[in-house]
Amino acid sequence: MLEGIPLIHFIIVATIMFFVGIYGFLTRRNLITILMSTELILNSVNINFVAFNKYLYPNQLEGHFFSVFIIAIAAAEAAVAIAIIINIYRRFTTINVEDVNQMKY
């Protein structure tokens, strides 16, 4: 499936995804959009792992294993972040970054 697509196309898509995620992480004020930007950054890294694995070592699966590991870490990170965001919302009734100026308990 990937044989007909040049590697540069995957790199371009992953780079665009990465910088959109960085832009969203740095400019957004909502904690949910910051979390979504982090997930976008991690998914762009997964694209790079799989694409480089396919083109450099087509008979090995190291890139795929790294991607599965990153997906598992991203799922755990999302679960913990959502729990923190829910607690912040219960305490401050907002999820904007500027409105949360202290974390206690």
C-alpha atoms as a PDB file:
ATOM      1  CA  MET A   1       0.000   0.000   0.000  1.00  0.00           C
ATOM      2  CA  LEU A   2       2.816   2.444   0.798  1.00  0.00           C
ATOM      3  CA  GLU A   3       5.022   1.370  -2.093  1.00  0.00           C
ATOM      4  CA  GLY A   4       3.632   3.947  -4.534  1.00  0.00           C
ATOM      5  CA  ILE A   5       3.732   6.917  -2.149  1.00  0.00           C
ATOM      6  CA  PRO A   6       7.083   8.689  -1.762  1.00  0.00           C
ATOM      7  CA  LEU A   7       8.473   9.187   1.724  1.00  0.00           C
ATOM      8  CA  ILE A   8       8.461  12.967   1.349  1.00  0.00           C
ATOM      9  CA  HIS A   9       4.642  12.984   1.273  1.00  0.00           C
ATOM     10  CA  PHE A  10       4.488  11.341   4.688  1.00  0.00           C
ATOM     11  CA  ILE A  11       7.094  13.741   6.043  1.00  0.00           C
ATOM     12  CA  ILE A  12       5.163  16.756   4.740  1.00  0.00           C
ATOM     13  CA  VAL A  13       1.874  15.574   6.278  1.00  0.00           C
ATOM     14  CA  ALA A  14       3.544  14.766   9.603  1.00  0.00           C
ATOM     15  CA  THR A  15       5.344  18.122   9.649  1.00  0.00           C
ATOM     16  CA  ILE A  16       2.135  20.035   8.980  1.00  0.00           C
ATOM     17  CA  MET A  17       0.351  18.065  11.712  1.00  0.00           C
ATOM     18  CA  PHE A  18       3.217  18.672  14.136  1.00  0.00           C
ATOM     19  CA  PHE A  19       3.317  22.421  13.623  1.00  0.00           C
ATOM     20  CA  VAL A  20      -0.471  22.754  13.739  1.00  0.00           C
ATOM     21  CA  GLY A  21      -0.293  20.948  17.081  1.00  0.00           C
ATOM     22  CA  ILE A  22       2.485  23.248  18.311  1.00  0.00           C
ATOM     23  CA  TYR A  23       0.499  26.293  17.185  1.00  0.00           C
ATOM     24  CA  GLY A  24      -2.622  25.046  18.944  1.00  0.00           C
ATOM     25  CA  PHE A  25      -0.674  24.235  22.090  1.00  0.00           C
ATOM     26  CA  LEU A  26       0.907  27.678  22.279  1.00  0.00           C
ATOM     27  CA  THR A  27      -2.042  29.861  21.258  1.00  0.00           C
ATOM     28  CA  ARG A  28      -5.164  28.218  22.672  1.00  0.00           C
ATOM     29  CA  ARG A  29      -6.462  29.020  26.108  1.00  0.00           C
ATOM     30  CA  ASN A  30      -8.874  26.124  26.536  1.00  0.00           C
ATOM     31  CA  LEU A  31      -7.448  23.051  28.264  1.00  0.00           C
ATOM     32  CA  ILE A  32      -9.353  20.641  25.997  1.00  0.00           C
ATOM     33  CA  THR A  33      -7.895  22.197  22.830  1.00  0.00           C
ATOM     34  CA  ILE A  34      -4.434  22.088  24.390  1.00  0.00           C
ATOM     35  CA  LEU A  35      -4.959  18.376  25.036  1.00  0.00           C
ATOM     36  CA  MET A  36      -6.128  17.871  21.445  1.00  0.00           C
ATOM     37  CA  SER A  37      -3.024  19.695  20.191  1.00  0.00           C
ATOM     38  CA  THR A  38      -0.826  17.366  22.230  1.00  0.00           C
ATOM     39  CA  GLU A  39      -2.571  14.366  20.688  1.00  0.00           C
ATOM     40  CA  LEU A  40      -2.010  15.846  17.224  1.00  0.00           C
ATOM     41  CA  ILE A  41       1.712  16.160  17.940  1.00  0.00           C
ATOM     42  CA  LEU A  42       1.908  12.544  19.120  1.00  0.00           C
ATOM     43  CA  ASN A  43       0.044  11.311  16.029  1.00  0.00           C
ATOM     44  CA  SER A  44       2.438  13.151  13.729  1.00  0.00           C
ATOM     45  CA  VAL A  45       5.305  11.341  15.440  1.00  0.00           C
ATOM     46  CA  ASN A  46       3.487   8.042  14.857  1.00  0.00           C
ATOM     47  CA  ILE A  47       3.232   8.799  11.136  1.00  0.00           C
ATOM     48  CA  ASN A  48       6.983   9.398  11.024  1.00  0.00           C
ATOM     49  CA  PHE A  49       7.760   6.169  12.883  1.00  0.00           C
ATOM     50  CA  VAL A  50       5.632   4.032  10.565  1.00  0.00           C
ATOM     51  CA  ALA A  51       6.758   5.763   7.354  1.00  0.00           C
ATOM     52  CA  PHE A  52      10.458   5.609   8.141  1.00  0.00           C
ATOM     53  CA  ASN A  53      10.135   2.013   9.278  1.00  0.00           C
ATOM     54  CA  LYS A  54       8.436   1.070   6.000  1.00  0.00           C
ATOM     55  CA  TYR A  55      11.053   2.749   3.827  1.00  0.00           C
ATOM     56  CA  LEU A  56      14.214   1.945   5.795  1.00  0.00           C
ATOM     57  CA  TYR A  57      13.446  -1.506   7.235  1.00  0.00           C
ATOM     58  CA  PRO A  58      10.439  -2.931   5.359  1.00  0.00           C
ATOM     59  CA  ASN A  59      10.709  -6.414   6.908  1.00  0.00           C
ATOM     60  CA  GLN A  60      10.934  -5.275  10.529  1.00  0.00           C
ATOM     61  CA  LEU A  61       8.271  -3.788  12.773  1.00  0.00           C
ATOM     62  CA  GLU A  62      10.137  -1.515  15.182  1.00  0.00           C
ATOM     63  CA  GLY A  63       8.321   1.601  13.984  1.00  0.00           C
ATOM     64  CA  HIS A  64       4.971  -0.085  14.457  1.00  0.00           C
ATOM     65  CA  PHE A  65       5.855  -1.171  17.989  1.00  0.00           C
ATOM     66  CA  PHE A  66       6.976   2.347  18.875  1.00  0.00           C
ATOM     67  CA  SER A  67       3.703   3.675  17.472  1.00  0.00           C
ATOM     68  CA  VAL A  68       1.636   1.255  19.547  1.00  0.00           C
ATOM     69  CA  PHE A  69       3.648   2.244  22.623  1.00  0.00           C
ATOM     70  CA  ILE A  70       3.029   5.950  21.914  1.00  0.00           C
ATOM     71  CA  ILE A  71      -0.688   5.301  21.391  1.00  0.00           C
ATOM     72  CA  ALA A  72      -0.861   3.554  24.774  1.00  0.00           C
ATOM     73  CA  ILE A  73       0.974   6.426  26.481  1.00  0.00           C
ATOM     74  CA  ALA A  74      -1.284   8.959  24.727  1.00  0.00           C
ATOM     75  CA  ALA A  75      -4.381   7.124  25.953  1.00  0.00           C
ATOM     76  CA  ALA A  76      -3.105   7.135  29.528  1.00  0.00           C
ATOM     77  CA  GLU A  77      -2.129  10.789  29.220  1.00  0.00           C
ATOM     78  CA  ALA A  78      -5.573  11.689  27.885  1.00  0.00           C
ATOM     79  CA  ALA A  79      -7.323   9.852  30.719  1.00  0.00           C
ATOM     80  CA  VAL A  80      -5.258  11.613  33.382  1.00  0.00           C
ATOM     81  CA  ALA A  81      -5.598  14.988  31.670  1.00  0.00           C
ATOM     82  CA  ILE A  82      -9.383  14.659  31.353  1.00  0.00           C
ATOM     83  CA  ALA A  83      -9.589  13.774  35.059  1.00  0.00           C
ATOM     84  CA  ILE A  84      -7.525  16.840  35.953  1.00  0.00           C
ATOM     85  CA  ILE A  85      -9.612  19.054  33.658  1.00  0.00           C
ATOM     86  CA  ILE A  86     -12.854  17.783  35.242  1.00  0.00           C
ATOM     87  CA  ASN A  87     -11.505  18.547  38.719  1.00  0.00           C
ATOM     88  CA  ILE A  88     -10.410  22.010  37.599  1.00  0.00           C
ATOM     89  CA  TYR A  89     -13.852  22.647  36.148  1.00  0.00           C
ATOM     90  CA  ARG A  90     -15.536  21.537  39.376  1.00  0.00           C
ATOM     91  CA  ARG A  91     -13.367  23.848  41.430  1.00  0.00           C
ATOM     92  CA  PHE A  92     -13.208  26.943  39.200  1.00  0.00           C
ATOM     93  CA  THR A  93     -16.196  26.388  36.808  1.00  0.00           C
ATOM     94  CA  THR A  94     -13.945  27.189  33.854  1.00  0.00           C
ATOM     95  CA  ILE A  95     -11.321  25.385  31.796  1.00  0.00           C
ATOM     96  CA  ASN A  96      -9.468  28.424  30.505  1.00  0.00           C
ATOM     97  CA  VAL A  97      -5.782  28.438  31.346  1.00  0.00           C
ATOM     98  CA  GLU A  98      -5.667  32.072  32.509  1.00  0.00           C
ATOM     99  CA  ASP A  99      -8.524  31.610  34.978  1.00  0.00           C
ATOM    100  CA  VAL A 100      -6.822  28.749  36.790  1.00  0.00           C
ATOM    101  CA  ASN A 101      -4.160  30.451  38.876  1.00  0.00           C
ATOM    102  CA  GLN A 102      -3.748  27.965  41.705  1.00  0.00           C
ATOM    103  CA  MET A 103      -3.916  24.226  42.145  1.00  0.00           C
ATOM    104  CA  LYS A 104      -4.737  22.968  45.571  1.00  0.00           C
ATOM    105  CA  TYR A 105      -5.631  19.458  46.734  1.00  0.00           C
END
